[in-house]
Amino acid sequence: QVQLVESGGGMVQAGDSLRLSCAVSGLIFSSYSLGWFRQAPGKDREFVACISRSGDPTTYAKSVKDRFTISRDNAKNAVFLQMNTLNAEDTAVYYCAARGTGNERAYFFQARDYHYWGQGTPVTVSS
């Protein structure tokens, strides 16, 4: 079956960096556009970043643009989120998601467009 397993979350201080990973299995990875979302306590799940099948283009939420970088490794069936200059507002559970598409340049920034989700990895940033 399809599995998405996030890792790399933790507790850090403001200004620190973290790199999240998402290992994907059970599907043809190169046929899927991928995204990262997050959900802070008491808030709705929100878009963070997404990447097309080919790796270009990528899209980011305004709140993380220029601080976060999404990437993928089709040989390792994994997607990554490099997070720099973290702040308290980045505290949330981070989820990766996958969406099958026939368009290698398509990307999706709405949660409802995604077919598969991981269980999430928590990130806590103390100020």
Foldseek 3Di string as FASTA:
>chain_A
DWAWAKDFADEEAAQAKTKMKIAIDDDQLLQKKKFKWWDDPPGDIFGAKIAFSVRPDIDGDPVQPPFKDWGDDSVRRMIMIIGGRDDQVPWTWMKMFIAGDPDRHDIDGDPVRTDDIHPTDTHGYHD
